[in-house]
Amino acid sequence: MPEQQDVQAPQPMDEWLLKLLACPACPQHYPLSYDAAKSVLVCHCGRYAFPVGSDGIPNLLVTDDKIINSDADPSKCPPPQGGN
């Protein structure tokens, strides 16, 4: 019988951590929002997404980002509500 692997459910993103994080890929360093269904952090501009591991730790390396909307231009994105 094959060994059963212990697969963890994705951990929720802590709100306090989410408030501290900023997009490392866009020049404006916009805030990130958590998409739990896809386990990614999405930049406010809508262009970049960063994976979040099953341990809840985000990978914010620019080399590992995914461009989810190549038409999104961070320089033309209105600032987020709340002054971030």
Protein backbone atom coordinates (compact mmCIF):
# COMPACT_ATOMS: atom_id res chain seq x y z
CA MET A 1 0.00 0.00 0.00
CA PRO A 2 1.49 3.41 -0.95
CA GLU A 3 2.30 5.86 1.80
CA GLN A 4 -0.27 8.56 2.37
CA GLN A 5 1.16 12.06 2.09
CA ASP A 6 0.18 14.61 4.69
CA VAL A 7 -1.34 17.45 2.68
CA GLN A 8 -2.02 20.63 4.59
CA ALA A 9 -4.92 22.92 3.84
CA PRO A 10 -3.81 26.46 2.96
CA GLN A 11 -3.41 28.67 6.00
CA PRO A 12 -5.37 31.91 6.13
CA MET A 13 -3.42 35.12 5.61
CA ASP A 14 -3.09 37.16 8.79
CA GLU A 15 -4.70 40.59 8.39
CA TRP A 16 -1.89 42.37 10.24
CA LEU A 17 0.69 40.88 7.85
CA LEU A 18 -1.38 41.76 4.81
CA LYS A 19 -1.45 45.41 5.91
CA LEU A 20 2.36 45.47 6.04
CA LEU A 21 3.02 43.93 2.64
CA ALA A 22 3.48 45.91 -0.57
CA CYS A 23 4.00 44.81 -4.16
CA PRO A 24 7.71 44.49 -4.85
CA ALA A 25 7.18 44.45 -8.64
CA CYS A 26 5.36 47.71 -9.34
CA PRO A 27 7.13 51.07 -8.89
CA GLN A 28 4.28 52.39 -6.71
CA HIS A 29 4.58 49.48 -4.25
CA TYR A 30 0.80 49.18 -4.06
CA PRO A 31 -0.83 47.06 -1.35
CA LEU A 32 -1.58 43.40 -1.92
CA SER A 33 -4.87 41.58 -1.38
CA TYR A 34 -5.22 37.89 -0.64
CA ASP A 35 -7.11 35.63 -3.05
CA ALA A 36 -7.68 32.57 -0.86
CA ALA A 37 -9.24 30.54 -3.69
CA LYS A 38 -6.02 30.77 -5.72
CA SER A 39 -3.59 31.08 -2.76
CA VAL A 40 -2.01 34.22 -4.21
CA LEU A 41 -1.43 37.82 -3.21
CA VAL A 42 -2.64 40.18 -5.93
CA CYS A 43 -1.28 43.69 -6.46
CA HIS A 44 -3.77 46.56 -6.33
CA CYS A 45 -2.89 47.44 -9.94
CA GLY A 46 -4.12 44.01 -11.06
CA ARG A 47 -0.98 43.08 -12.99
CA TYR A 48 0.99 40.92 -10.55
CA ALA A 49 0.22 37.90 -8.36
CA PHE A 50 2.54 36.22 -5.86
CA PRO A 51 2.11 32.65 -4.60
CA VAL A 52 1.35 31.86 -0.95
CA GLY A 53 2.60 28.51 0.31
CA SER A 54 0.43 26.01 2.17
CA ASP A 55 2.20 27.21 5.33
CA GLY A 56 0.76 30.71 4.78
CA ILE A 57 4.12 32.26 3.90
CA PRO A 58 4.00 34.48 0.80
CA ASN A 59 6.72 34.31 -1.84
CA LEU A 60 7.36 37.93 -2.82
CA LEU A 61 10.35 37.30 -5.04
CA VAL A 62 9.90 39.31 -8.24
CA THR A 63 11.41 36.42 -10.18
CA ASP A 64 8.52 34.20 -9.04
CA ASP A 65 5.64 36.60 -9.67
CA LYS A 66 2.97 35.87 -12.25
CA ILE A 67 1.64 38.54 -14.57
CA ILE A 68 -2.10 38.00 -14.43
CA ASN A 69 -3.06 40.97 -16.59
CA SER A 70 -0.42 42.16 -19.05
CA ASP A 71 -2.64 45.12 -20.03
CA ALA A 72 -2.66 46.51 -16.48
CA ASP A 73 -0.33 49.49 -16.14
CA PRO A 74 0.67 50.30 -12.54
CA SER A 75 1.52 53.90 -13.49
CA LYS A 76 -2.07 54.47 -14.67
CA CYS A 77 -3.77 52.73 -11.75
CA PRO A 78 -5.62 55.06 -9.36
CA PRO A 79 -4.30 55.01 -5.80
CA PRO A 80 -6.04 52.57 -3.48
CA GLN A 81 -8.76 53.77 -1.13
CA GLY A 82 -7.45 54.54 2.33
CA GLY A 83 -4.26 56.26 1.22
CA ASN A 84 -1.98 53.21 0.85
